[in-house]
Amino acid sequence: MLSRPSGKLGLSLVCFHIILAIISPAITPYDFKVMDADLILKGPSALHWLGTDNLGRDILSRTMLGGRQALMVTIVATFLAIAWGGMLGVLLGLIGGWIENSILRLVDAFLSIPWILFLLLIVSVVGLGNAVLIPTLAFFYGIPVVRMSRAATHDVVALDYITAARARGESRVTIVRKELLPNVLDILLVEGAMRWSWMLLAFSSLSFLGFGVAPPAADWGLMISGSRSYMAIAPLAVLAPVVALSTLIIGINLSADALAKALGIDRAQKAPV
């Protein structure tokens, strides 16, 4: 993975944002909540390198802190989505029969409806907060993983060593743990990287629409939403979080591509639903 220039660049971008999210509370020049009426919509200066927003808050400080919530929520949600979706898909690929067909029909039903409608409905009814966002994102982004892992499992189940394991009388749990999961793990890792980038977009979209992080928290989607009306006056208030979010997603996608090539996986043939 690191032997490819694109993989090095992607991993560097991802590591930069993760490290920045960890250390940003200690290195931000200003408190992200502090408002100053005298500094509203000011341009870049020696004191405020990226200027200030419509409430007089430092744009650089808010941009540096803007990825903390998004990274924390989406990393946990991605792990949960790959865990439950991957395990269910492996089990379906092994069991087969009417159980597999019945659950796949439910998966198809969920995939036919736009995810944003479900997310907005749940968040509107239940409320905001990580306790709602994490399981909701994990559930909806785990559904396509079920199909991916099930298809990968079907390729493995037909091999001779699975037939030999069944002939030895090994249980399904043992076959899944020792034979199937190790052989579909590479696909799940690449799938997890792709799902992570899409979850970041989903999380930022929810914040942009007012259903994610609540003000006055520093969040990229919230920053874009709050400053878009003033873009002609203070464009950096929008451009800074856009660039930060874009570089993180580009870094994840470059890393996913490099990982797929290193593992010998064709993402075009194994494109997610």
Protein backbone atom coordinates (compact mmCIF):
# COMPACT_ATOMS: atom_id res chain seq x y z
CA MET A 1 0.00 0.00 0.00
CA LEU A 2 2.74 2.46 0.97
CA SER A 3 4.71 1.59 -2.17
CA ARG A 4 2.18 3.52 -4.27
CA PRO A 5 2.44 7.34 -4.37
CA SER A 6 -1.35 7.69 -4.20
CA GLY A 7 -1.45 5.41 -1.18
CA LYS A 8 1.24 7.43 0.58
CA LEU A 9 -0.59 10.67 -0.14
CA GLY A 10 -3.92 9.27 0.97
CA LEU A 11 -2.57 7.80 4.17
CA SER A 12 -0.72 11.03 4.93
CA LEU A 13 -3.91 13.06 4.56
CA VAL A 14 -5.89 10.69 6.77
CA CYS A 15 -3.19 10.60 9.45
CA PHE A 16 -2.90 14.40 9.36
CA HIS A 17 -6.60 14.87 10.02
CA ILE A 18 -6.70 12.24 12.76
CA ILE A 19 -3.67 13.72 14.52
CA LEU A 20 -5.08 17.22 14.12
CA ALA A 21 -8.40 16.11 15.62
CA ILE A 22 -6.56 14.70 18.64
CA ILE A 23 -4.28 17.64 19.35
CA SER A 24 -6.40 20.54 18.06
CA PRO A 25 -7.91 21.46 21.47
CA ALA A 26 -4.40 22.16 22.70
CA ILE A 27 -3.12 24.13 19.70
CA THR A 28 -6.09 26.19 18.47
CA PRO A 29 -5.27 29.90 18.84
CA TYR A 30 -8.77 30.89 20.04
CA ASP A 31 -11.79 29.43 21.78
CA PHE A 32 -14.15 28.25 19.04
CA LYS A 33 -17.19 29.55 20.97
CA VAL A 34 -15.98 33.07 21.68
CA MET A 35 -17.86 35.74 19.69
CA ASP A 36 -16.68 39.28 19.11
CA ALA A 37 -19.02 41.86 17.58
CA ASP A 38 -16.05 43.99 16.53
CA LEU A 39 -14.59 41.18 14.42
CA ILE A 40 -17.63 40.08 12.45
CA LEU A 41 -16.76 38.98 8.88
CA LYS A 42 -13.20 40.27 9.05
CA GLY A 43 -10.68 39.13 6.47
CA PRO A 44 -7.40 37.34 7.14
CA SER A 45 -5.01 39.17 9.43
CA ALA A 46 -1.94 38.53 11.58
CA LEU A 47 -4.20 37.63 14.51
CA HIS A 48 -6.83 35.67 12.56
CA TRP A 49 -5.11 33.90 9.68
CA LEU A 50 -8.35 32.85 7.97
CA GLY A 51 -10.47 35.71 9.20
CA THR A 52 -13.67 35.53 11.25
CA ASP A 53 -17.22 34.37 10.57
CA ASN A 54 -20.57 36.14 10.85
CA LEU A 55 -20.45 35.90 14.65
CA GLY A 56 -16.87 37.09 15.02
CA ARG A 57 -15.44 33.63 15.73
CA ASP A 58 -12.00 32.58 14.50
CA ILE A 59 -12.35 30.48 11.35
CA LEU A 60 -8.99 28.73 11.71
CA SER A 61 -9.78 27.51 15.23
CA ARG A 62 -13.21 26.23 14.22
CA THR A 63 -11.82 24.51 11.12
CA MET A 64 -9.10 22.77 13.12
CA LEU A 65 -11.71 21.48 15.58
CA GLY A 66 -14.36 20.80 12.94
CA GLY A 67 -13.35 17.23 12.21
CA ARG A 68 -13.27 15.89 15.77
CA GLN A 69 -16.93 15.02 16.05
CA ALA A 70 -17.19 13.75 12.47
CA LEU A 71 -14.17 11.48 12.82
CA MET A 72 -15.22 10.07 16.18
CA VAL A 73 -18.79 9.32 15.09
CA THR A 74 -17.95 7.90 11.66
CA ILE A 75 -15.01 5.74 12.79
CA VAL A 76 -17.15 4.03 15.42
CA ALA A 77 -20.14 3.77 13.07
CA THR A 78 -17.99 2.33 10.27
CA PHE A 79 -16.58 -0.35 12.56
CA LEU A 80 -20.08 -1.31 13.71
CA ALA A 81 -21.44 -1.33 10.15
CA ILE A 82 -18.68 -3.60 8.88
CA ALA A 83 -18.97 -5.84 11.95
CA TRP A 84 -22.69 -6.54 11.80
CA GLY A 85 -23.09 -6.32 8.03
CA GLY A 86 -20.03 -8.44 7.35
CA MET A 87 -20.96 -11.12 9.87
CA LEU A 88 -24.56 -11.35 8.67
CA GLY A 89 -23.45 -11.54 5.05
CA VAL A 90 -20.98 -14.34 5.83
CA LEU A 91 -23.65 -16.30 7.70
CA LEU A 92 -26.13 -15.87 4.85
CA GLY A 93 -23.57 -17.01 2.31
CA LEU A 94 -22.87 -20.11 4.38
CA ILE A 95 -26.44 -21.02 5.29
CA GLY A 96 -28.16 -20.21 1.99
CA GLY A 97 -31.68 -21.44 1.27
CA TRP A 98 -34.92 -19.66 2.12
CA ILE A 99 -33.36 -17.83 5.07
CA GLU A 100 -30.84 -16.16 2.80
CA ASN A 101 -33.48 -15.25 0.22
CA SER A 102 -35.87 -13.84 2.83
CA ILE A 103 -33.27 -11.59 4.47
CA LEU A 104 -31.92 -10.45 1.11
CA ARG A 105 -35.42 -9.32 0.13
CA LEU A 106 -35.46 -7.14 3.25
CA VAL A 107 -32.02 -5.80 2.33
CA ASP A 108 -33.28 -4.95 -1.17
CA ALA A 109 -36.28 -3.16 0.33
CA PHE A 110 -34.05 -0.95 2.49
CA LEU A 111 -31.69 -0.26 -0.41
CA SER A 112 -34.55 0.91 -2.62
CA ILE A 113 -35.34 3.88 -0.34
CA PRO A 114 -32.94 6.87 -0.12
CA TRP A 115 -30.93 6.70 3.09
CA ILE A 116 -31.28 10.41 3.80
CA LEU A 117 -35.04 10.06 4.29
CA PHE A 118 -34.57 7.38 6.92
CA LEU A 119 -31.83 9.30 8.67
CA LEU A 120 -33.81 12.53 8.77
CA LEU A 121 -36.91 10.71 10.03
CA ILE A 122 -35.08 8.94 12.85
CA VAL A 123 -33.09 12.00 13.93
CA SER A 124 -36.23 14.16 13.81
CA VAL A 125 -38.21 11.75 15.97
CA VAL A 126 -35.55 10.53 18.40
CA GLY A 127 -33.39 13.64 18.59
CA LEU A 128 -29.77 14.66 18.13
CA GLY A 129 -26.67 13.23 19.75
CA ASN A 130 -23.99 10.61 19.18
CA ALA A 131 -26.14 7.95 20.85
CA VAL A 132 -28.58 8.36 17.95
CA LEU A 133 -26.24 9.15 15.06
CA ILE A 134 -23.76 6.29 15.59
CA PRO A 135 -26.23 3.35 15.58
CA THR A 136 -28.33 4.97 12.84
CA LEU A 137 -25.37 5.43 10.50
CA ALA A 138 -24.04 1.98 11.41
CA PHE A 139 -27.35 0.34 10.57
CA PHE A 140 -28.01 1.99 7.22
CA TYR A 141 -24.44 1.79 5.98
CA GLY A 142 -24.16 -1.79 7.16
CA ILE A 143 -27.01 -2.94 4.91
CA PRO A 144 -25.01 -2.77 1.64
CA VAL A 145 -22.15 -4.54 3.43
CA VAL A 146 -24.46 -7.53 3.90
CA ARG A 147 -24.72 -8.00 0.15
CA MET A 148 -21.00 -7.44 -0.38
CA SER A 149 -19.87 -9.95 2.26
CA ARG A 150 -22.52 -12.46 1.20
CA ALA A 151 -21.27 -12.33 -2.42
CA ALA A 152 -17.66 -12.73 -1.26
CA THR A 153 -18.65 -15.66 0.96
CA HIS A 154 -20.37 -17.41 -1.95
CA ASP A 155 -17.06 -17.38 -3.83
CA VAL A 156 -15.29 -18.99 -0.87
CA VAL A 157 -17.98 -21.52 0.12
CA ALA A 158 -17.64 -23.27 -3.25
CA LEU A 159 -13.94 -24.04 -2.63
CA ASP A 160 -12.66 -27.48 -1.67
CA TYR A 161 -11.34 -26.63 1.79
CA ILE A 162 -14.84 -25.54 2.91
CA THR A 163 -16.20 -28.86 1.68
CA ALA A 164 -13.41 -30.62 3.58
CA ALA A 165 -14.22 -28.67 6.74
CA ARG A 166 -17.85 -29.73 6.49
CA ALA A 167 -16.80 -33.33 5.88
CA ARG A 168 -14.70 -33.22 9.08
CA GLY A 169 -17.85 -32.30 10.96
CA GLU A 170 -16.79 -28.79 11.92
CA SER A 171 -19.55 -26.55 13.18
CA ARG A 172 -20.75 -23.50 11.30
CA VAL A 173 -19.22 -21.25 13.94
CA THR A 174 -15.83 -22.87 13.44
CA ILE A 175 -16.10 -22.65 9.65
CA VAL A 176 -17.01 -18.99 9.84
CA ARG A 177 -14.23 -18.17 12.32
CA LYS A 178 -11.41 -20.22 10.81
CA GLU A 179 -12.23 -20.47 7.11
CA LEU A 180 -14.62 -17.77 5.93
CA LEU A 181 -13.81 -14.60 7.86
CA PRO A 182 -10.02 -14.72 7.17
CA ASN A 183 -10.76 -15.10 3.45
CA VAL A 184 -13.26 -12.24 3.16
CA LEU A 185 -11.50 -9.90 5.58
CA ASP A 186 -9.58 -8.12 2.80
CA ILE A 187 -12.80 -7.26 0.99
CA LEU A 188 -14.39 -6.05 4.23
CA LEU A 189 -11.40 -3.80 4.94
CA VAL A 190 -11.66 -2.11 1.55
CA GLU A 191 -15.43 -1.89 1.90
CA GLY A 192 -14.99 -0.31 5.33
CA ALA A 193 -12.70 2.38 3.93
CA MET A 194 -15.24 3.28 1.26
CA ARG A 195 -18.11 3.30 3.74
CA TRP A 196 -16.11 5.57 6.02
CA SER A 197 -15.80 8.27 3.36
CA TRP A 198 -19.52 8.08 2.58
CA MET A 199 -20.40 8.26 6.27
CA LEU A 200 -18.35 11.44 6.58
CA LEU A 201 -20.39 12.96 3.77
CA ALA A 202 -23.62 11.77 5.38
CA PHE A 203 -22.63 13.15 8.79
CA SER A 204 -21.65 16.51 7.29
CA SER A 205 -24.87 16.57 5.26
CA LEU A 206 -26.93 16.06 8.41
CA SER A 207 -25.05 18.85 10.17
CA PHE A 208 -25.53 21.10 7.14
CA LEU A 209 -29.29 20.45 7.27
CA GLY A 210 -29.40 21.09 11.02
CA PHE A 211 -29.87 17.46 12.11
CA GLY A 212 -26.31 16.63 13.11
CA VAL A 213 -24.12 18.56 15.50
CA ALA A 214 -25.96 21.30 17.39
CA PRO A 215 -24.61 24.88 17.50
CA PRO A 216 -22.32 26.37 18.68
CA ALA A 217 -20.19 23.24 18.20
CA ALA A 218 -17.38 23.43 15.66
CA ASP A 219 -18.30 21.15 12.77
CA TRP A 220 -17.50 21.41 9.08
CA GLY A 221 -21.06 20.86 7.88
CA LEU A 222 -22.42 23.31 10.42
CA MET A 223 -19.79 25.88 9.44
CA ILE A 224 -20.72 25.62 5.76
CA SER A 225 -24.40 25.94 6.54
CA GLY A 226 -23.96 28.95 8.82
CA SER A 227 -21.60 30.89 6.56
CA ARG A 228 -22.89 30.19 3.06
CA SER A 229 -25.03 33.34 3.07
CA TYR A 230 -21.91 35.44 3.66
CA MET A 231 -19.65 33.75 1.13
CA ALA A 232 -19.32 36.90 -0.99
CA ILE A 233 -18.00 38.79 2.04
CA ALA A 234 -16.05 36.08 3.88
CA PRO A 235 -15.45 33.18 1.47
CA LEU A 236 -12.89 31.50 3.73
CA ALA A 237 -15.60 30.75 6.27
CA VAL A 238 -17.02 28.29 3.71
CA LEU A 239 -13.92 27.35 1.76
CA ALA A 240 -11.88 26.33 4.83
CA PRO A 241 -14.26 23.59 6.03
CA VAL A 242 -14.93 22.51 2.43
CA VAL A 243 -11.20 22.03 1.78
CA ALA A 244 -10.74 20.24 5.11
CA LEU A 245 -13.60 17.81 4.46
CA SER A 246 -12.57 17.28 0.84
CA THR A 247 -8.95 16.48 1.65
CA LEU A 248 -10.02 13.97 4.29
CA ILE A 249 -12.42 12.18 1.93
CA ILE A 250 -9.86 12.24 -0.90
CA GLY A 251 -7.29 10.78 1.48
CA ILE A 252 -9.63 7.97 2.51
CA ASN A 253 -10.50 7.13 -1.09
CA LEU A 254 -6.86 7.14 -2.18
CA SER A 255 -6.00 4.88 0.75
CA ALA A 256 -8.89 2.56 -0.11
CA ASP A 257 -7.77 2.32 -3.75
CA ALA A 258 -4.19 1.59 -2.74
CA LEU A 259 -5.34 -0.99 -0.19
CA ALA A 260 -7.55 -2.69 -2.77
CA LYS A 261 -4.68 -2.90 -5.26
CA ALA A 262 -2.29 -4.18 -2.60
CA LEU A 263 -4.76 -6.93 -1.67
CA GLY A 264 -5.53 -7.75 -5.31
CA ILE A 265 -9.16 -6.61 -5.15
CA ASP A 266 -10.86 -5.11 -8.21
CA ARG A 267 -13.12 -2.36 -6.87
CA ALA A 268 -14.82 -2.03 -10.25
CA GLN A 269 -15.98 -5.66 -10.16
CA LYS A 270 -16.81 -5.57 -6.45
CA ALA A 271 -18.49 -2.17 -6.41
CA PRO A 272 -20.87 -1.74 -3.49
CA VAL A 273 -24.61 -1.48 -3.96
